[in-house]
Amino acid sequence: MAIPRLQLDTTALLVIDVQERLIHTIHQHELLVARCKALVGAATILKMPIIVTEQYVKGLGRTVPQIAETFPPNTPVFEKQSFSALTPNVLDLLRSLGRPHLLICGIEAHVCVLQTVLDGCAQGIQTFHLTDAISSGQPDQIDPAFRRMERAGSVPSGVLSALYELMGSCDHPGFREVLPFAKIALQAR
């Protein structure tokens, strides 16, 4: 049986709904924002595609500025009404990028993140959910959502573990540039 592994040439980062009017209702939102920002910064250095979704922008606003300011130019941001972030536009982009693996962070664990993971697993996309970069306004809903994701076939990981797995070695050309982002993720406690 093949063990799912994170690899730079097969993985895209999906940042789900970390939005202005929702963030202050989220459990440990400062940690979430710091870790998502570190992920986006590291993904940019590693030249990993980044995809962003925003739920009902009119009501919830845009992605929080702390994260949005780290997006590389032309980062695709998709507004959605569905809870799942795997909208037809996102799926089309993933196919065009040739990325069968998704590294997932964002909110809320038990709604948009869970439904995205379930849809991804059902469609043959290998998902990796970052348990320390996903949260909810209802902390008691997080662990059941993670358990359901795992049972569906998603692989849990942490931000630091994922970054080091993606690089594979301290010989990776982006290693030294990624280290400050790894430290941000480590210090966000």
N, C-alpha and C. Protein backbone atom coordinates (compact mmCIF):
# COMPACT_ATOMS: atom_id res chain seq x y z
N MET A 1 0.83 -1.19 0.00
CA MET A 1 0.00 0.00 0.00
C MET A 1 0.88 1.25 0.00
N ALA A 2 0.60 2.14 -0.93
CA ALA A 2 1.37 3.39 -1.01
C ALA A 2 0.97 4.32 0.15
N ILE A 3 1.97 4.93 0.73
CA ILE A 3 1.73 5.88 1.82
C ILE A 3 1.72 7.28 1.22
N PRO A 4 0.63 8.04 1.42
CA PRO A 4 0.57 9.40 0.85
C PRO A 4 1.69 10.28 1.43
N ARG A 5 2.40 10.95 0.54
CA ARG A 5 3.49 11.85 0.95
C ARG A 5 3.31 13.19 0.28
N LEU A 6 3.69 14.23 0.99
CA LEU A 6 3.68 15.58 0.43
C LEU A 6 4.90 15.75 -0.45
N GLN A 7 4.68 16.19 -1.68
CA GLN A 7 5.76 16.47 -2.62
C GLN A 7 5.45 17.78 -3.33
N LEU A 8 6.49 18.57 -3.53
CA LEU A 8 6.29 19.89 -4.14
C LEU A 8 5.69 19.84 -5.53
N ASP A 9 6.03 18.84 -6.30
CA ASP A 9 5.55 18.81 -7.68
C ASP A 9 4.13 18.27 -7.84
N THR A 10 3.53 17.79 -6.74
CA THR A 10 2.16 17.26 -6.83
C THR A 10 1.17 17.98 -5.94
N THR A 11 1.64 18.96 -5.16
CA THR A 11 0.81 19.56 -4.11
C THR A 11 0.52 21.03 -4.36
N ALA A 12 -0.71 21.42 -4.03
CA ALA A 12 -1.11 22.84 -4.01
C ALA A 12 -1.61 23.16 -2.61
N LEU A 13 -1.44 24.40 -2.19
CA LEU A 13 -1.94 24.86 -0.90
C LEU A 13 -3.31 25.49 -1.11
N LEU A 14 -4.29 25.07 -0.32
CA LEU A 14 -5.64 25.63 -0.37
C LEU A 14 -5.93 26.33 0.95
N VAL A 15 -6.14 27.65 0.88
CA VAL A 15 -6.45 28.46 2.05
C VAL A 15 -7.95 28.75 2.01
N ILE A 16 -8.69 28.21 2.98
CA ILE A 16 -10.14 28.26 2.95
C ILE A 16 -10.69 29.32 3.91
N ASP A 17 -11.27 30.37 3.36
CA ASP A 17 -12.18 31.29 4.05
C ASP A 17 -11.66 31.96 5.32
N VAL A 18 -10.41 32.37 5.36
CA VAL A 18 -9.87 33.07 6.54
C VAL A 18 -10.18 34.56 6.35
N GLN A 19 -11.41 34.94 6.68
CA GLN A 19 -11.96 36.23 6.29
C GLN A 19 -12.18 37.20 7.45
N GLU A 20 -12.17 38.49 7.08
CA GLU A 20 -12.19 39.59 8.04
C GLU A 20 -13.32 39.54 9.07
N ARG A 21 -14.54 39.34 8.65
CA ARG A 21 -15.67 39.42 9.58
C ARG A 21 -15.93 38.12 10.32
N LEU A 22 -15.22 37.09 9.96
CA LEU A 22 -15.39 35.79 10.60
C LEU A 22 -14.27 35.48 11.58
N ILE A 23 -13.09 36.02 11.33
CA ILE A 23 -11.89 35.60 12.06
C ILE A 23 -11.98 35.81 13.57
N HIS A 24 -12.62 36.88 14.03
CA HIS A 24 -12.65 37.16 15.47
C HIS A 24 -13.58 36.24 16.25
N THR A 25 -14.37 35.45 15.54
CA THR A 25 -15.24 34.47 16.20
C THR A 25 -14.56 33.11 16.32
N ILE A 26 -13.37 32.99 15.77
CA ILE A 26 -12.68 31.70 15.65
C ILE A 26 -11.77 31.43 16.85
N HIS A 27 -11.85 30.22 17.35
CA HIS A 27 -11.01 29.78 18.47
C HIS A 27 -9.53 29.92 18.11
N GLN A 28 -8.78 30.60 18.96
CA GLN A 28 -7.34 30.83 18.79
C GLN A 28 -7.02 31.41 17.40
N HIS A 29 -7.77 32.44 17.05
CA HIS A 29 -7.62 33.01 15.70
C HIS A 29 -6.24 33.61 15.43
N GLU A 30 -5.56 34.12 16.46
CA GLU A 30 -4.23 34.68 16.23
C GLU A 30 -3.26 33.60 15.77
N LEU A 31 -3.35 32.41 16.38
CA LEU A 31 -2.50 31.29 15.98
C LEU A 31 -2.81 30.86 14.55
N LEU A 32 -4.09 30.78 14.25
CA LEU A 32 -4.51 30.37 12.91
C LEU A 32 -3.95 31.32 11.86
N VAL A 33 -4.09 32.61 12.09
CA VAL A 33 -3.62 33.61 11.12
C VAL A 33 -2.10 33.51 10.96
N ALA A 34 -1.38 33.40 12.07
CA ALA A 34 0.09 33.33 12.00
C ALA A 34 0.53 32.09 11.22
N ARG A 35 -0.11 30.98 11.47
CA ARG A 35 0.30 29.75 10.79
C ARG A 35 -0.09 29.75 9.32
N CYS A 36 -1.27 30.28 9.00
CA CYS A 36 -1.66 30.38 7.59
C CYS A 36 -0.73 31.33 6.84
N LYS A 37 -0.36 32.42 7.48
CA LYS A 37 0.57 33.38 6.87
C LYS A 37 1.92 32.70 6.62
N ALA A 38 2.40 31.93 7.59
CA ALA A 38 3.67 31.22 7.43
C ALA A 38 3.58 30.23 6.27
N LEU A 39 2.46 29.53 6.16
CA LEU A 39 2.27 28.58 5.06
C LEU A 39 2.31 29.27 3.71
N VAL A 40 1.60 30.39 3.59
CA VAL A 40 1.57 31.11 2.32
C VAL A 40 2.97 31.62 1.97
N GLY A 41 3.67 32.17 2.96
CA GLY A 41 5.03 32.65 2.71
C GLY A 41 5.96 31.54 2.26
N ALA A 42 5.91 30.40 2.94
CA ALA A 42 6.76 29.27 2.58
C ALA A 42 6.36 28.70 1.21
N ALA A 43 5.07 28.58 0.97
CA ALA A 43 4.61 28.06 -0.33
C ALA A 43 5.07 28.96 -1.47
N THR A 44 5.09 30.25 -1.24
CA THR A 44 5.55 31.20 -2.25
C THR A 44 7.02 30.94 -2.58
N ILE A 45 7.84 30.80 -1.55
CA ILE A 45 9.26 30.53 -1.75
C ILE A 45 9.47 29.20 -2.47
N LEU A 46 8.67 28.21 -2.10
CA LEU A 46 8.81 26.88 -2.68
C LEU A 46 8.14 26.75 -4.05
N LYS A 47 7.53 27.85 -4.49
CA LYS A 47 6.85 27.90 -5.80
C LYS A 47 5.73 26.87 -5.90
N MET A 48 5.06 26.65 -4.77
CA MET A 48 3.90 25.77 -4.74
C MET A 48 2.66 26.60 -5.05
N PRO A 49 1.79 26.13 -5.93
CA PRO A 49 0.58 26.89 -6.22
C PRO A 49 -0.26 27.11 -4.96
N ILE A 50 -0.81 28.31 -4.87
CA ILE A 50 -1.67 28.69 -3.75
C ILE A 50 -3.04 29.04 -4.33
N ILE A 51 -4.07 28.46 -3.73
CA ILE A 51 -5.45 28.74 -4.13
C ILE A 51 -6.18 29.22 -2.88
N VAL A 52 -6.97 30.27 -3.04
CA VAL A 52 -7.67 30.87 -1.90
C VAL A 52 -9.17 30.90 -2.20
N THR A 53 -9.96 30.58 -1.17
CA THR A 53 -11.40 30.74 -1.31
C THR A 53 -11.92 31.72 -0.27
N GLU A 54 -13.01 32.37 -0.62
CA GLU A 54 -13.68 33.31 0.28
C GLU A 54 -15.18 33.03 0.20
N GLN A 55 -15.78 32.78 1.35
CA GLN A 55 -17.20 32.47 1.44
C GLN A 55 -18.00 33.77 1.53
N TYR A 56 -18.97 33.94 0.65
CA TYR A 56 -19.92 35.04 0.71
C TYR A 56 -19.25 36.36 1.12
N VAL A 57 -18.44 36.89 0.24
CA VAL A 57 -17.62 38.08 0.51
C VAL A 57 -18.45 39.27 0.98
N LYS A 58 -19.62 39.46 0.42
CA LYS A 58 -20.48 40.58 0.80
C LYS A 58 -20.77 40.59 2.30
N GLY A 59 -20.95 39.43 2.87
CA GLY A 59 -21.25 39.35 4.29
C GLY A 59 -20.04 39.13 5.18
N LEU A 60 -19.01 38.42 4.69
CA LEU A 60 -17.89 38.02 5.54
C LEU A 60 -16.58 38.74 5.23
N GLY A 61 -16.58 39.56 4.19
CA GLY A 61 -15.37 40.30 3.85
C GLY A 61 -14.36 39.44 3.12
N ARG A 62 -13.20 40.02 2.91
CA ARG A 62 -12.10 39.37 2.18
C ARG A 62 -11.18 38.63 3.15
N THR A 63 -10.21 37.93 2.59
CA THR A 63 -9.18 37.27 3.40
C THR A 63 -8.50 38.33 4.26
N VAL A 64 -8.22 37.97 5.52
CA VAL A 64 -7.61 38.93 6.45
C VAL A 64 -6.33 39.51 5.85
N PRO A 65 -6.10 40.81 6.04
CA PRO A 65 -4.93 41.45 5.42
C PRO A 65 -3.60 40.81 5.79
N GLN A 66 -3.46 40.32 7.02
CA GLN A 66 -2.19 39.73 7.44
C GLN A 66 -1.78 38.57 6.53
N ILE A 67 -2.75 37.84 6.02
CA ILE A 67 -2.48 36.72 5.12
C ILE A 67 -2.46 37.21 3.67
N ALA A 68 -3.45 38.01 3.30
CA ALA A 68 -3.57 38.46 1.91
C ALA A 68 -2.32 39.21 1.45
N GLU A 69 -1.68 39.94 2.33
CA GLU A 69 -0.48 40.70 1.93
C GLU A 69 0.69 39.80 1.57
N THR A 70 0.61 38.53 1.94
CA THR A 70 1.70 37.60 1.60
C THR A 70 1.42 36.82 0.32
N PHE A 71 0.23 36.98 -0.27
CA PHE A 71 -0.08 36.28 -1.52
C PHE A 71 0.85 36.76 -2.62
N PRO A 72 1.41 35.84 -3.38
CA PRO A 72 2.18 36.27 -4.55
C PRO A 72 1.25 36.89 -5.59
N PRO A 73 1.80 37.68 -6.52
CA PRO A 73 0.95 38.27 -7.56
C PRO A 73 0.16 37.20 -8.30
N ASN A 74 -1.05 37.55 -8.66
CA ASN A 74 -1.94 36.68 -9.44
C ASN A 74 -2.38 35.42 -8.71
N THR A 75 -2.35 35.44 -7.38
CA THR A 75 -2.89 34.31 -6.62
C THR A 75 -4.38 34.21 -6.90
N PRO A 76 -4.86 33.05 -7.35
CA PRO A 76 -6.29 32.92 -7.63
C PRO A 76 -7.11 32.91 -6.34
N VAL A 77 -8.08 33.81 -6.27
CA VAL A 77 -9.00 33.90 -5.14
C VAL A 77 -10.40 33.69 -5.68
N PHE A 78 -11.07 32.66 -5.19
CA PHE A 78 -12.39 32.31 -5.67
C PHE A 78 -13.45 32.59 -4.61
N GLU A 79 -14.44 33.39 -4.97
CA GLU A 79 -15.59 33.58 -4.08
C GLU A 79 -16.51 32.39 -4.27
N LYS A 80 -17.12 31.97 -3.18
CA LYS A 80 -18.01 30.81 -3.25
C LYS A 80 -19.23 31.02 -2.38
N GLN A 81 -20.27 30.30 -2.71
CA GLN A 81 -21.48 30.24 -1.90
C GLN A 81 -21.61 28.86 -1.25
N SER A 82 -21.07 27.85 -1.92
CA SER A 82 -21.12 26.49 -1.37
C SER A 82 -20.16 26.42 -0.19
N PHE A 83 -20.42 25.49 0.69
CA PHE A 83 -19.50 25.32 1.82
C PHE A 83 -18.20 24.67 1.36
N SER A 84 -18.26 23.71 0.49
CA SER A 84 -17.05 23.09 -0.03
C SER A 84 -16.28 24.09 -0.89
N ALA A 85 -14.96 24.09 -0.72
CA ALA A 85 -14.12 24.97 -1.52
C ALA A 85 -13.80 24.35 -2.88
N LEU A 86 -14.19 23.11 -3.08
CA LEU A 86 -13.91 22.46 -4.36
C LEU A 86 -15.03 22.77 -5.35
N THR A 87 -15.10 24.05 -5.68
CA THR A 87 -16.06 24.52 -6.67
C THR A 87 -15.57 24.10 -8.06
N PRO A 88 -16.42 24.18 -9.06
CA PRO A 88 -15.96 23.83 -10.41
C PRO A 88 -14.71 24.63 -10.84
N ASN A 89 -14.65 25.91 -10.49
CA ASN A 89 -13.48 26.72 -10.86
C ASN A 89 -12.20 26.23 -10.18
N VAL A 90 -12.31 25.88 -8.91
CA VAL A 90 -11.14 25.39 -8.18
C VAL A 90 -10.71 24.03 -8.74
N LEU A 91 -11.67 23.16 -8.99
CA LEU A 91 -11.34 21.85 -9.57
C LEU A 91 -10.69 21.99 -10.94
N ASP A 92 -11.21 22.88 -11.76
CA ASP A 92 -10.61 23.12 -13.08
C ASP A 92 -9.16 23.59 -12.94
N LEU A 93 -8.93 24.50 -12.00
CA LEU A 93 -7.57 25.00 -11.78
C LEU A 93 -6.64 23.88 -11.32
N LEU A 94 -7.10 23.09 -10.37
CA LEU A 94 -6.27 21.97 -9.89
C LEU A 94 -5.91 21.02 -11.04
N ARG A 95 -6.88 20.72 -11.87
CA ARG A 95 -6.61 19.84 -13.01
C ARG A 95 -5.59 20.47 -13.97
N SER A 96 -5.76 21.76 -14.23
CA SER A 96 -4.84 22.42 -15.16
C SER A 96 -3.43 22.51 -14.59
N LEU A 97 -3.32 22.57 -13.26
CA LEU A 97 -2.01 22.61 -12.62
C LEU A 97 -1.39 21.23 -12.51
N GLY A 98 -2.20 20.19 -12.67
CA GLY A 98 -1.70 18.83 -12.51
C GLY A 98 -1.31 18.52 -11.08
N ARG A 99 -2.12 19.01 -10.14
CA ARG A 99 -1.82 18.83 -8.72
C ARG A 99 -2.88 17.93 -8.07
N PRO A 100 -2.56 16.65 -7.89
CA PRO A 100 -3.54 15.74 -7.30
C PRO A 100 -3.56 15.74 -5.77
N HIS A 101 -2.68 16.54 -5.15
CA HIS A 101 -2.62 16.62 -3.69
C HIS A 101 -2.93 18.03 -3.22
N LEU A 102 -3.69 18.12 -2.13
CA LEU A 102 -4.04 19.42 -1.55
C LEU A 102 -3.60 19.48 -0.10
N LEU A 103 -2.88 20.53 0.23
CA LEU A 103 -2.51 20.85 1.60
C LEU A 103 -3.52 21.91 2.04
N ILE A 104 -4.29 21.63 3.09
CA ILE A 104 -5.46 22.46 3.41
C ILE A 104 -5.32 23.11 4.78
N CYS A 105 -5.62 24.44 4.80
CA CYS A 105 -5.70 25.19 6.04
C CYS A 105 -6.93 26.10 5.96
N GLY A 106 -7.38 26.62 7.10
CA GLY A 106 -8.47 27.58 7.07
C GLY A 106 -9.57 27.31 8.06
N ILE A 107 -10.77 27.82 7.75
CA ILE A 107 -11.91 27.74 8.65
C ILE A 107 -13.20 27.49 7.86
N GLU A 108 -14.19 27.01 8.49
CA GLU A 108 -14.27 26.41 9.78
C GLU A 108 -14.12 24.90 9.65
N ALA A 109 -13.48 24.30 10.64
CA ALA A 109 -13.13 22.88 10.60
C ALA A 109 -14.32 21.99 10.27
N HIS A 110 -15.43 22.25 10.91
CA HIS A 110 -16.58 21.35 10.81
C HIS A 110 -17.54 21.69 9.67
N VAL A 111 -17.26 22.76 8.94
CA VAL A 111 -18.16 23.14 7.85
C VAL A 111 -17.36 23.14 6.54
N CYS A 112 -16.78 24.27 6.18
CA CYS A 112 -16.14 24.40 4.87
C CYS A 112 -14.91 23.50 4.71
N VAL A 113 -14.08 23.40 5.74
CA VAL A 113 -12.90 22.55 5.62
C VAL A 113 -13.33 21.09 5.51
N LEU A 114 -14.22 20.66 6.38
CA LEU A 114 -14.67 19.27 6.35
C LEU A 114 -15.30 18.92 5.00
N GLN A 115 -16.21 19.75 4.51
CA GLN A 115 -16.88 19.44 3.25
C GLN A 115 -15.91 19.45 2.07
N THR A 116 -14.91 20.32 2.13
CA THR A 116 -13.87 20.33 1.08
C THR A 116 -13.08 19.03 1.09
N VAL A 117 -12.67 18.61 2.27
CA VAL A 117 -11.90 17.37 2.40
C VAL A 117 -12.74 16.18 1.93
N LEU A 118 -13.99 16.11 2.36
CA LEU A 118 -14.85 15.00 1.94
C LEU A 118 -15.01 14.97 0.42
N ASP A 119 -15.23 16.14 -0.18
CA ASP A 119 -15.36 16.22 -1.64
C ASP A 119 -14.05 15.82 -2.33
N GLY A 120 -12.93 16.29 -1.79
CA GLY A 120 -11.64 15.94 -2.37
C GLY A 120 -11.39 14.44 -2.33
N CYS A 121 -11.63 13.83 -1.18
CA CYS A 121 -11.43 12.38 -1.04
C CYS A 121 -12.35 11.62 -1.99
N ALA A 122 -13.59 12.07 -2.12
CA ALA A 122 -14.55 11.41 -3.01
C ALA A 122 -14.12 11.50 -4.47
N GLN A 123 -13.37 12.56 -4.81
CA GLN A 123 -12.95 12.77 -6.20
C GLN A 123 -11.54 12.30 -6.48
N GLY A 124 -10.93 11.60 -5.53
CA GLY A 124 -9.60 11.04 -5.75
C GLY A 124 -8.46 12.02 -5.53
N ILE A 125 -8.74 13.15 -4.91
CA ILE A 125 -7.69 14.11 -4.56
C ILE A 125 -7.15 13.71 -3.18
N GLN A 126 -5.85 13.54 -3.06
CA GLN A 126 -5.28 13.23 -1.75
C GLN A 126 -5.18 14.52 -0.96
N THR A 127 -5.89 14.59 0.15
CA THR A 127 -5.86 15.78 0.98
C THR A 127 -5.00 15.56 2.22
N PHE A 128 -4.35 16.63 2.63
CA PHE A 128 -3.57 16.68 3.86
C PHE A 128 -4.12 17.88 4.64
N HIS A 129 -4.74 17.62 5.78
CA HIS A 129 -5.31 18.73 6.55
C HIS A 129 -4.37 19.10 7.70
N LEU A 130 -4.11 20.38 7.81
CA LEU A 130 -3.15 20.89 8.78
C LEU A 130 -3.86 21.20 10.09
N THR A 131 -3.75 20.29 11.03
CA THR A 131 -4.54 20.37 12.26
C THR A 131 -4.21 21.60 13.11
N ASP A 132 -3.04 22.17 12.94
CA ASP A 132 -2.69 23.37 13.71
C ASP A 132 -2.92 24.65 12.92
N ALA A 133 -3.51 24.54 11.72
CA ALA A 133 -3.83 25.71 10.91
C ALA A 133 -5.28 25.64 10.41
N ILE A 134 -6.10 24.95 11.19
CA ILE A 134 -7.54 24.84 10.94
C ILE A 134 -8.23 25.05 12.28
N SER A 135 -9.30 25.85 12.28
CA SER A 135 -10.01 26.07 13.53
C SER A 135 -11.49 26.29 13.26
N SER A 136 -12.19 26.70 14.32
CA SER A 136 -13.64 26.86 14.25
C SER A 136 -14.08 27.83 15.34
N GLY A 137 -15.26 28.36 15.18
CA GLY A 137 -15.87 29.17 16.24
C GLY A 137 -16.40 28.31 17.37
N GLN A 138 -16.55 27.02 17.12
CA GLN A 138 -17.02 26.07 18.12
C GLN A 138 -15.92 25.03 18.34
N PRO A 139 -15.05 25.26 19.34
CA PRO A 139 -13.91 24.37 19.54
C PRO A 139 -14.28 22.90 19.70
N ASP A 140 -15.46 22.61 20.25
CA ASP A 140 -15.84 21.22 20.45
C ASP A 140 -16.16 20.50 19.14
N GLN A 141 -16.25 21.23 18.05
CA GLN A 141 -16.54 20.63 16.75
C GLN A 141 -15.27 20.26 15.96
N ILE A 142 -14.11 20.73 16.42
CA ILE A 142 -12.88 20.54 15.67
C ILE A 142 -12.43 19.08 15.64
N ASP A 143 -12.30 18.46 16.80
CA ASP A 143 -11.82 17.07 16.84
C ASP A 143 -12.74 16.10 16.09
N PRO A 144 -14.07 16.19 16.25
CA PRO A 144 -14.91 15.29 15.45
C PRO A 144 -14.72 15.51 13.94
N ALA A 145 -14.53 16.75 13.53
CA ALA A 145 -14.30 17.04 12.11
C ALA A 145 -12.99 16.40 11.66
N PHE A 146 -11.93 16.52 12.46
CA PHE A 146 -10.65 15.90 12.10
C PHE A 146 -10.77 14.39 12.00
N ARG A 147 -11.48 13.78 12.95
CA ARG A 147 -11.66 12.33 12.90
C ARG A 147 -12.39 11.92 11.63
N ARG A 148 -13.41 12.66 11.27
CA ARG A 148 -14.16 12.32 10.05
C ARG A 148 -13.28 12.49 8.81
N MET A 149 -12.47 13.54 8.77
CA MET A 149 -11.55 13.74 7.65
C MET A 149 -10.61 12.55 7.50
N GLU A 150 -10.04 12.13 8.62
CA GLU A 150 -9.12 10.99 8.59
C GLU A 150 -9.81 9.73 8.10
N ARG A 151 -11.00 9.48 8.60
CA ARG A 151 -11.74 8.28 8.18
C ARG A 151 -12.06 8.30 6.69
N ALA A 152 -12.18 9.50 6.14
CA ALA A 152 -12.47 9.63 4.71
C ALA A 152 -11.21 9.43 3.86
N GLY A 153 -10.03 9.48 4.50
CA GLY A 153 -8.78 9.25 3.77
C GLY A 153 -7.82 10.42 3.77
N SER A 154 -8.19 11.52 4.43
CA SER A 154 -7.27 12.66 4.51
C SER A 154 -6.17 12.36 5.52
N VAL A 155 -5.00 12.94 5.29
CA VAL A 155 -3.86 12.72 6.16
C VAL A 155 -3.65 13.96 7.03
N PRO A 156 -3.67 13.79 8.36
CA PRO A 156 -3.42 14.93 9.23
C PRO A 156 -1.93 15.25 9.27
N SER A 157 -1.63 16.53 9.40
CA SER A 157 -0.25 16.96 9.53
C SER A 157 -0.24 18.29 10.29
N GLY A 158 0.93 18.73 10.66
CA GLY A 158 1.11 20.04 11.25
C GLY A 158 1.89 20.90 10.26
N VAL A 159 1.87 22.19 10.47
CA VAL A 159 2.54 23.12 9.55
C VAL A 159 4.02 22.80 9.43
N LEU A 160 4.72 22.68 10.55
CA LEU A 160 6.17 22.42 10.50
C LEU A 160 6.47 21.10 9.80
N SER A 161 5.76 20.07 10.17
CA SER A 161 5.98 18.77 9.56
C SER A 161 5.77 18.83 8.05
N ALA A 162 4.70 19.50 7.62
CA ALA A 162 4.40 19.61 6.19
C ALA A 162 5.50 20.37 5.45
N LEU A 163 5.97 21.47 6.02
CA LEU A 163 7.02 22.25 5.35
C LEU A 163 8.30 21.43 5.17
N TYR A 164 8.70 20.73 6.23
CA TYR A 164 9.92 19.94 6.14
C TYR A 164 9.75 18.75 5.19
N GLU A 165 8.56 18.15 5.18
CA GLU A 165 8.32 17.05 4.26
C GLU A 165 8.36 17.53 2.81
N LEU A 166 7.78 18.69 2.55
CA LEU A 166 7.80 19.25 1.19
C LEU A 166 9.22 19.51 0.70
N MET A 167 10.08 19.98 1.58
CA MET A 167 11.47 20.26 1.18
C MET A 167 12.31 18.99 1.10
N GLY A 168 12.02 18.03 1.98
CA GLY A 168 12.71 16.75 1.93
C GLY A 168 14.12 16.72 2.51
N SER A 169 14.81 17.85 2.50
CA SER A 169 16.21 17.87 2.93
C SER A 169 16.63 19.32 3.20
N CYS A 170 17.62 19.46 4.06
CA CYS A 170 18.17 20.80 4.30
C CYS A 170 18.99 21.27 3.09
N ASP A 171 19.17 20.39 2.13
CA ASP A 171 19.85 20.76 0.88
C ASP A 171 18.90 21.40 -0.12
N HIS A 172 17.62 21.43 0.19
CA HIS A 172 16.66 22.05 -0.73
C HIS A 172 17.06 23.52 -0.93
N PRO A 173 17.01 24.02 -2.18
CA PRO A 173 17.45 25.40 -2.44
C PRO A 173 16.66 26.47 -1.69
N GLY A 174 15.43 26.17 -1.28
CA GLY A 174 14.63 27.15 -0.55
C GLY A 174 14.71 27.01 0.95
N PHE A 175 15.50 26.07 1.45
CA PHE A 175 15.51 25.75 2.88
C PHE A 175 15.77 26.98 3.76
N ARG A 176 16.83 27.71 3.48
CA ARG A 176 17.18 28.85 4.33
C ARG A 176 16.12 29.95 4.29
N GLU A 177 15.49 30.14 3.13
CA GLU A 177 14.44 31.14 3.00
C GLU A 177 13.15 30.72 3.70
N VAL A 178 12.91 29.42 3.79
CA VAL A 178 11.70 28.92 4.45
C VAL A 178 11.84 28.92 5.97
N LEU A 179 13.06 28.83 6.49
CA LEU A 179 13.28 28.76 7.93
C LEU A 179 12.58 29.87 8.73
N PRO A 180 12.62 31.13 8.30
CA PRO A 180 11.90 32.15 9.08
C PRO A 180 10.39 31.88 9.18
N PHE A 181 9.80 31.30 8.15
CA PHE A 181 8.38 30.98 8.18
C PHE A 181 8.13 29.79 9.11
N ALA A 182 9.06 28.85 9.12
CA ALA A 182 8.94 27.72 10.05
C ALA A 182 9.02 28.23 11.48
N LYS A 183 9.88 29.20 11.73
CA LYS A 183 10.00 29.77 13.08
C LYS A 183 8.73 30.50 13.48
N ILE A 184 8.09 31.20 12.53
CA ILE A 184 6.82 31.88 12.82
C ILE A 184 5.79 30.84 13.25
N ALA A 185 5.71 29.75 12.51
CA ALA A 185 4.74 28.69 12.83
C ALA A 185 5.05 28.09 14.19
N LEU A 186 6.33 27.91 14.51
CA LEU A 186 6.74 27.34 15.77
C LEU A 186 6.43 28.28 16.94
N GLN A 187 6.66 29.57 16.74
CA GLN A 187 6.46 30.54 17.81
C GLN A 187 4.98 30.86 18.04
N ALA A 188 4.16 30.59 17.08
CA ALA A 188 2.72 30.87 17.22
C ALA A 188 2.11 29.79 18.11
N ARG A 189 2.07 30.07 19.38
CA ARG A 189 1.51 29.11 20.35
C ARG A 189 0.53 29.79 21.27
